[in-house]
Amino acid sequence: MIYKIVKAVLSIAGLAVGYEISLLVFNLNQVLGLLSLSEAGVVVGKLIISLIFAMIFYLLTPKLFSWGTKAKEWMENRLQKTPMRDILYGFLGLLMGLIIANLFSRALLSIPLMGPYLLVVANLVLGYIGAVVAVKKREELSALIPIPVGPKKMNAASSSSQASSNKVKPKILDTSVIIDGRIADICQTGFLEGPIIVPSFVLEELRHIADSSDVLKRNRGRRGLDILNRMKNEMNIEVQICEKDFDDIAEVDSKLVKLAQILDGKIITNDFNLNKVAEFHKVPVLNINELANAVKPIVLPGEEMVVQVIKDGKEAGQGVAYLDDGTMIVVDGGKKHIGETIGVMVTSVLQTAAGRMIFAKPKSM
């Protein structure tokens, strides 16, 4: 319905623009004397030009509608991030620019044929210059026009700033972290606060994975959907479906970053590449793998533990064991104890990008 209204309005606007251009064309023709036309010919010419522009605007409606929608979203994003004081200064600068432009209205309107159009151009140019200058000189304007702030206003401002700083940001889930499944356990422990946002395009990607012909992918997709249902129905947390999509963006990771910027939220993921892209765009990220590494138990050289050696290591004579949290323990001289549960003493601990590695030796050595 809105699209049809926009199409009708643009067609009428095209008709009006065509009529104005036809007036300019025939006035120029009258001044220059290029063509001799009867009064009926002038009327028909104006009608034809008006209809041509109405048709042009009608055919351009889809493109203009798309540009208008993108411009609206861009303006909303900019206004959300722009301080209110900058908006007020910009408005005052725009007003001053328009006043100055209209001071020249009499001089501009006296110019034959082009006067009204030059006045429109002057309003646009001077209004834009006024707004830009006012915003760029806001610090100097703040000094010239001090805004008194009483004790009550100061307390209100400090409390509002404190409230905004303490505001819990929404957590946006990506596909990989839903399929991983650990997010449900983390939510159940109560360590995550704020609404959990599941974008509609992430749900769509999960559905495609669940419908895949590959058995492994299909199982992973269905597991992810089961995890979401469990979080929504069985846990005392707020899970919201965000219907906002970005048709002009193809990649799901880029859509997640864009959504996080709009909602001022944090992305929860275990995808290394998404982590780097979000970091580049200054979007906060909560990485499940980093959390898992951070909560692994800390062991120090000299501590003793009991482990089961399950396989041989890379170096000669080494054996490999694992803790319950998956931490690898390299046992020097443990190859001969494969399949046995033995006591070991920690000799050193190595922190790598993949996680923590513990080196140990059997206590009998």
Protein backbone atom coordinates (compact mmCIF):
# COMPACT_ATOMS: atom_id res chain seq x y z
CA MET A 1 0.00 0.00 0.00
CA ILE A 2 2.78 2.44 0.95
CA TYR A 3 4.62 1.56 -2.26
CA LYS A 4 1.54 2.39 -4.35
CA ILE A 5 1.11 5.72 -2.56
CA VAL A 6 4.79 6.55 -3.13
CA LYS A 7 4.44 5.63 -6.82
CA ALA A 8 1.40 7.93 -7.20
CA VAL A 9 3.12 10.81 -5.36
CA LEU A 10 6.29 10.46 -7.47
CA SER A 11 4.23 10.42 -10.66
CA ILE A 12 2.49 13.65 -9.62
CA ALA A 13 5.87 15.13 -8.65
CA GLY A 14 7.22 14.15 -12.09
CA LEU A 15 4.24 15.84 -13.69
CA ALA A 16 4.95 19.04 -11.73
CA VAL A 17 8.68 18.93 -12.54
CA GLY A 18 7.90 18.38 -16.22
CA TYR A 19 5.50 21.32 -16.20
CA GLU A 20 8.13 23.61 -14.63
CA ILE A 21 10.73 22.51 -17.17
CA SER A 22 8.24 23.04 -20.02
CA LEU A 23 7.64 26.60 -18.76
CA LEU A 24 11.39 27.23 -18.74
CA VAL A 25 11.83 25.74 -22.22
CA PHE A 26 9.02 27.72 -23.85
CA ASN A 27 10.02 30.94 -22.08
CA LEU A 28 13.54 30.52 -23.44
CA ASN A 29 12.10 29.79 -26.87
CA GLN A 30 10.02 32.96 -26.67
CA VAL A 31 13.07 35.03 -25.70
CA LEU A 32 15.42 33.51 -28.28
CA GLY A 33 12.81 33.12 -31.01
CA LEU A 34 14.03 29.66 -32.10
CA LEU A 35 10.59 28.23 -32.99
CA SER A 36 7.35 29.92 -33.85
CA LEU A 37 4.54 28.03 -32.16
CA SER A 38 0.86 28.71 -31.87
CA GLU A 39 -0.83 28.89 -28.49
CA ALA A 40 -2.29 25.42 -29.01
CA GLY A 41 1.15 24.08 -29.90
CA VAL A 42 2.60 25.52 -26.69
CA VAL A 43 -0.15 23.89 -24.61
CA VAL A 44 0.38 20.53 -26.33
CA GLY A 45 4.16 20.83 -25.88
CA LYS A 46 3.80 21.56 -22.18
CA LEU A 47 1.44 18.61 -21.80
CA ILE A 48 3.81 16.24 -23.62
CA ILE A 49 6.85 17.31 -21.58
CA SER A 50 4.87 17.01 -18.33
CA LEU A 51 3.66 13.51 -19.24
CA ILE A 52 7.19 12.43 -20.26
CA PHE A 53 8.58 13.43 -16.86
CA ALA A 54 5.63 11.82 -15.06
CA MET A 55 6.39 8.56 -16.91
CA ILE A 56 10.12 8.85 -16.10
CA PHE A 57 9.38 9.29 -12.38
CA TYR A 58 6.87 6.41 -12.53
CA LEU A 59 9.46 4.06 -14.06
CA LEU A 60 12.13 5.19 -11.60
CA THR A 61 9.88 4.56 -8.57
CA PRO A 62 11.44 1.16 -7.61
CA LYS A 63 14.96 2.60 -7.66
CA LEU A 64 13.92 5.82 -5.88
CA PHE A 65 11.97 3.82 -3.28
CA SER A 66 15.02 1.64 -2.61
CA TRP A 67 17.28 4.69 -2.29
CA GLY A 68 14.76 6.33 0.03
CA THR A 69 14.62 3.25 2.27
CA LYS A 70 18.42 3.06 2.48
CA ALA A 71 18.62 6.80 3.16
CA LYS A 72 16.04 6.45 5.95
CA GLU A 73 18.01 3.61 7.61
CA TRP A 74 21.26 5.54 7.24
CA MET A 75 19.69 8.65 8.77
CA GLU A 76 18.23 6.66 11.68
CA ASN A 77 21.62 5.09 12.41
CA ARG A 78 23.36 8.46 12.27
CA LEU A 79 20.76 10.15 14.49
CA GLN A 80 21.03 7.36 17.07
CA LYS A 81 24.79 7.89 17.31
CA THR A 82 24.69 11.72 17.13
CA PRO A 83 24.58 13.63 20.45
CA MET A 84 21.48 15.74 20.99
CA ARG A 85 23.59 18.91 21.32
CA ASP A 86 25.05 18.36 17.84
CA ILE A 87 21.54 17.95 16.41
CA LEU A 88 20.42 21.23 18.04
CA TYR A 89 23.47 23.11 16.76
CA GLY A 90 22.96 21.65 13.28
CA PHE A 91 19.31 22.77 13.31
CA LEU A 92 20.26 26.30 14.41
CA GLY A 93 22.95 26.46 11.70
CA LEU A 94 20.45 25.27 9.08
CA LEU A 95 17.98 27.92 10.21
CA MET A 96 20.61 30.67 9.99
CA GLY A 97 21.65 29.49 6.52
CA LEU A 98 18.04 29.60 5.28
CA ILE A 99 17.54 33.08 6.73
CA ILE A 100 20.66 34.36 4.95
CA ALA A 101 19.60 32.69 1.68
CA ASN A 102 16.17 34.34 1.82
CA LEU A 103 17.74 37.76 2.43
CA PHE A 104 18.92 37.52 -1.18
CA SER A 105 15.50 36.41 -2.42
CA ARG A 106 14.56 39.78 -3.95
CA ALA A 107 17.86 40.06 -5.82
CA LEU A 108 17.66 36.48 -7.08
CA LEU A 109 14.01 36.64 -8.10
CA SER A 110 14.76 39.71 -10.23
CA ILE A 111 16.95 37.59 -12.52
CA PRO A 112 14.86 36.64 -15.59
CA LEU A 113 13.84 32.98 -16.02
CA MET A 114 16.49 31.53 -13.68
CA GLY A 115 15.61 33.56 -10.56
CA PRO A 116 13.29 31.07 -8.76
CA TYR A 117 15.65 28.17 -9.44
CA LEU A 118 18.66 30.12 -8.18
CA LEU A 119 16.73 30.85 -4.97
CA VAL A 120 16.13 27.13 -4.43
CA VAL A 121 19.83 26.40 -5.01
CA ALA A 122 20.83 29.21 -2.61
CA ASN A 123 18.56 27.76 0.11
CA LEU A 124 20.04 24.29 -0.30
CA VAL A 125 23.68 25.42 -0.39
CA LEU A 126 23.54 28.01 2.41
CA GLY A 127 21.36 25.78 4.60
CA TYR A 128 23.87 22.93 4.25
CA ILE A 129 26.85 25.22 4.91
CA GLY A 130 25.14 26.68 7.99
CA ALA A 131 24.42 23.24 9.48
CA VAL A 132 27.94 21.90 8.79
CA VAL A 133 29.68 25.00 10.19
CA ALA A 134 27.52 24.98 13.33
CA VAL A 135 28.29 21.32 14.06
CA LYS A 136 32.01 21.70 13.41
CA LYS A 137 32.20 24.82 15.59
CA ARG A 138 30.08 23.33 18.40
CA GLU A 139 32.85 23.72 20.98
CA GLU A 140 33.15 27.44 20.31
CA LEU A 141 29.37 27.81 20.24
CA SER A 142 29.16 26.03 23.59
CA ALA A 143 31.57 28.62 25.01
CA LEU A 144 29.57 31.51 23.51
CA ILE A 145 26.17 30.08 24.51
CA PRO A 146 26.69 28.39 27.90
CA ILE A 147 23.86 26.14 29.00
CA PRO A 148 23.35 26.51 32.78
CA VAL A 149 23.15 23.23 34.62
CA GLY A 150 21.74 23.35 38.14
CA PRO A 151 22.40 20.79 40.89
CA LYS A 152 19.22 18.89 40.04
CA LYS A 153 20.12 18.79 36.38
CA MET A 154 23.66 17.69 37.22
CA ASN A 155 22.35 14.90 39.43
CA ALA A 156 19.87 13.85 36.75
CA ALA A 157 22.59 13.89 34.10
CA SER A 158 24.99 11.88 36.26
CA SER A 159 22.28 9.37 37.16
CA SER A 160 21.22 9.02 33.51
CA SER A 161 24.85 8.55 32.40
CA GLN A 162 25.36 5.99 35.16
CA ALA A 163 22.17 4.20 34.12
CA SER A 164 23.29 4.17 30.48
CA SER A 165 26.71 2.82 31.46
CA ASN A 166 25.09 0.14 33.63
CA LYS A 167 22.56 -0.76 30.94
CA VAL A 168 22.82 -4.42 30.04
CA LYS A 169 23.58 -4.79 26.35
CA PRO A 170 21.71 -7.41 24.32
CA LYS A 171 23.67 -10.54 23.37
CA ILE A 172 23.37 -11.55 19.72
CA LEU A 173 23.95 -15.23 18.87
CA ASP A 174 25.63 -16.38 15.68
CA THR A 175 25.04 -19.71 13.97
CA SER A 176 28.24 -21.42 15.14
CA VAL A 177 27.64 -20.75 18.82
CA ILE A 178 24.07 -22.08 18.62
CA ILE A 179 25.21 -25.31 16.96
CA ASP A 180 28.07 -25.60 19.49
CA GLY A 181 25.49 -25.93 22.27
CA ARG A 182 27.57 -24.64 25.20
CA ILE A 183 25.67 -21.35 25.16
CA ALA A 184 22.64 -23.10 26.71
CA ASP A 185 24.73 -24.33 29.65
CA ILE A 186 26.27 -20.87 30.13
CA CYS A 187 22.80 -19.25 30.14
CA GLN A 188 21.57 -21.83 32.60
CA THR A 189 24.32 -20.91 35.07
CA GLY A 190 23.15 -17.29 35.04
CA PHE A 191 26.44 -15.75 33.95
CA LEU A 192 24.82 -14.02 30.95
CA GLU A 193 22.56 -11.01 31.56
CA GLY A 194 20.26 -9.15 29.24
CA PRO A 195 18.09 -10.31 26.37
CA ILE A 196 19.45 -13.03 24.09
CA ILE A 197 18.85 -11.95 20.47
CA VAL A 198 18.48 -14.53 17.71
CA PRO A 199 18.40 -12.77 14.29
CA SER A 200 15.94 -14.08 11.71
CA PHE A 201 18.74 -14.53 9.14
CA VAL A 202 20.60 -16.78 11.61
CA LEU A 203 17.45 -18.86 12.03
CA GLU A 204 17.16 -19.08 8.24
CA GLU A 205 20.76 -20.28 7.98
CA LEU A 206 20.08 -22.88 10.68
CA ARG A 207 17.03 -24.07 8.76
CA HIS A 208 19.09 -24.47 5.58
CA ILE A 209 21.71 -26.47 7.50
CA ALA A 210 18.98 -28.65 9.06
CA ASP A 211 17.57 -29.35 5.57
CA SER A 212 20.99 -30.19 4.08
CA SER A 213 21.48 -33.46 2.22
CA ASP A 214 24.71 -33.99 4.16
CA VAL A 215 23.93 -36.08 7.27
CA LEU A 216 26.51 -34.34 9.46
CA LYS A 217 25.32 -30.86 8.53
CA ARG A 218 21.69 -31.89 8.94
CA ASN A 219 22.34 -33.22 12.45
CA ARG A 220 24.23 -30.06 13.43
CA GLY A 221 21.40 -27.85 12.17
CA ARG A 222 18.75 -29.82 14.03
CA ARG A 223 20.89 -29.77 17.17
CA GLY A 224 21.07 -25.97 16.91
CA LEU A 225 17.28 -25.68 16.59
CA ASP A 226 16.84 -28.01 19.59
CA ILE A 227 19.23 -25.86 21.62
CA LEU A 228 17.21 -22.72 20.80
CA ASN A 229 13.93 -24.40 21.73
CA ARG A 230 15.47 -25.54 25.00
CA MET A 231 16.70 -22.03 25.81
CA LYS A 232 13.35 -20.43 24.94
CA ASN A 233 11.06 -22.92 26.67
CA GLU A 234 12.98 -24.49 29.56
CA MET A 235 15.23 -21.70 30.86
CA ASN A 236 14.45 -18.55 32.78
CA ILE A 237 16.09 -16.24 30.22
CA GLU A 238 14.69 -13.77 27.72
CA VAL A 239 15.16 -15.00 24.15
CA GLN A 240 13.99 -12.64 21.39
CA ILE A 241 13.73 -13.18 17.64
CA CYS A 242 14.91 -10.09 15.73
CA GLU A 243 13.17 -9.83 12.37
CA LYS A 244 15.44 -7.06 11.05
CA ASP A 245 17.33 -8.09 7.93
CA PHE A 246 19.73 -6.39 5.54
CA ASP A 247 18.92 -7.30 1.96
CA ASP A 248 21.88 -5.32 0.63
CA ILE A 249 24.35 -7.46 2.67
CA ALA A 250 24.99 -11.05 1.57
CA GLU A 251 27.25 -12.44 4.31
CA VAL A 252 25.64 -13.50 7.61
CA ASP A 253 28.74 -12.36 9.56
CA SER A 254 28.47 -8.85 8.10
CA LYS A 255 24.76 -8.79 8.93
CA LEU A 256 25.56 -9.74 12.54
CA VAL A 257 28.08 -6.91 12.85
CA LYS A 258 25.61 -4.43 11.36
CA LEU A 259 22.82 -5.58 13.70
CA ALA A 260 25.15 -5.32 16.72
CA GLN A 261 25.98 -1.74 15.75
CA ILE A 262 22.30 -0.81 15.45
CA LEU A 263 21.23 -2.51 18.70
CA ASP A 264 24.43 -1.51 20.55
CA GLY A 265 24.82 -5.17 21.51
CA LYS A 266 27.51 -7.81 21.84
CA ILE A 267 28.02 -10.79 19.53
CA ILE A 268 28.43 -14.23 21.11
CA THR A 269 30.45 -16.54 18.88
CA ASN A 270 33.23 -19.09 18.69
CA ASP A 271 34.09 -18.17 15.09
CA PHE A 272 37.63 -16.80 14.87
CA ASN A 273 37.02 -14.88 11.61
CA LEU A 274 33.83 -13.24 12.88
CA ASN A 275 35.74 -12.30 16.02
CA LYS A 276 38.33 -10.43 13.91
CA VAL A 277 35.73 -8.73 11.67
CA ALA A 278 33.76 -7.52 14.70
CA GLU A 279 36.94 -6.30 16.36
CA PHE A 280 37.76 -4.30 13.21
CA HIS A 281 34.33 -2.63 13.37
CA LYS A 282 34.75 -2.02 17.15
CA VAL A 283 31.84 -4.30 18.00
CA PRO A 284 32.25 -6.12 21.35
CA VAL A 285 32.46 -9.91 21.10
CA LEU A 286 32.04 -12.65 23.70
CA ASN A 287 34.01 -15.67 22.47
CA ILE A 288 32.95 -19.00 23.97
CA ASN A 289 36.34 -20.60 23.29
CA GLU A 290 38.15 -17.79 25.11
CA LEU A 291 35.76 -18.24 28.03
CA ALA A 292 36.43 -21.98 28.09
CA ASN A 293 40.20 -21.40 28.17
CA ALA A 294 39.83 -18.77 30.89
CA VAL A 295 37.94 -21.05 33.30
CA LYS A 296 40.22 -24.05 32.96
CA PRO A 297 41.85 -24.95 36.28
CA ILE A 298 45.25 -23.40 36.89
CA VAL A 299 48.04 -25.82 37.76
CA LEU A 300 51.55 -24.92 38.87
CA PRO A 301 54.86 -26.75 38.42
CA GLY A 302 55.32 -29.23 41.24
CA GLU A 303 51.62 -30.09 41.62
CA GLU A 304 50.61 -33.75 41.46
CA MET A 305 47.62 -35.28 39.71
CA VAL A 306 46.31 -38.63 38.56
CA VAL A 307 45.71 -39.10 34.82
CA GLN A 308 45.14 -41.85 32.30
CA VAL A 309 47.67 -41.99 29.47
CA ILE A 310 45.70 -42.76 26.31
CA LYS A 311 48.18 -42.41 23.43
CA ASP A 312 51.77 -41.66 22.55
CA GLY A 313 53.02 -38.12 21.96
CA LYS A 314 54.95 -36.49 19.13
CA GLU A 315 58.35 -36.89 20.73
CA ALA A 316 59.98 -40.24 21.50
CA GLY A 317 58.82 -41.76 24.79
CA GLN A 318 56.05 -39.23 25.39
CA GLY A 319 52.50 -40.10 26.36
CA VAL A 320 49.38 -37.96 26.15
CA ALA A 321 46.57 -37.65 28.68
CA TYR A 322 43.62 -35.27 29.02
CA LEU A 323 41.86 -33.58 31.91
CA ASP A 324 38.07 -33.57 32.14
CA ASP A 325 37.92 -30.11 30.54
CA GLY A 326 39.97 -31.29 27.54
CA THR A 327 43.32 -29.81 28.60
CA MET A 328 46.17 -31.84 27.07
CA ILE A 329 48.84 -33.27 29.38
CA VAL A 330 52.11 -34.38 27.78
CA VAL A 331 53.76 -36.97 30.02
CA ASP A 332 57.50 -37.31 29.47
CA GLY A 333 58.32 -41.02 29.48
CA GLY A 334 54.63 -41.91 29.53
CA LYS A 335 54.57 -43.99 26.34
CA LYS A 336 55.19 -47.19 28.30
CA HIS A 337 52.20 -46.35 30.53
CA ILE A 338 49.63 -46.08 27.70
CA GLY A 339 46.28 -47.41 28.95
CA GLU A 340 47.32 -47.02 32.59
CA THR A 341 46.18 -44.54 35.23
CA ILE A 342 49.26 -43.11 36.91
CA GLY A 343 50.27 -40.27 39.20
CA VAL A 344 52.25 -37.48 37.52
CA MET A 345 54.02 -34.31 38.63
CA VAL A 346 53.63 -31.08 36.63
CA THR A 347 56.93 -29.77 35.30
CA SER A 348 55.72 -26.79 33.22
CA VAL A 349 52.60 -25.15 31.75
CA LEU A 350 52.43 -23.65 28.25
CA GLN A 351 49.67 -21.26 27.15
CA THR A 352 49.05 -21.36 23.38
CA ALA A 353 46.44 -19.84 21.04
CA ALA A 354 44.69 -23.22 20.96
CA GLY A 355 44.57 -23.48 24.75
CA ARG A 356 46.68 -24.59 27.70
CA MET A 357 49.17 -27.50 27.55
CA ILE A 358 50.58 -29.14 30.67
CA PHE A 359 53.89 -31.01 30.70
CA ALA A 360 54.44 -33.58 33.39
CA LYS A 361 56.45 -36.70 34.32
CA PRO A 362 55.50 -39.83 36.22
CA LYS A 363 56.06 -39.51 39.96
CA SER A 364 58.11 -42.70 39.98
CA MET A 365 60.78 -41.06 37.80
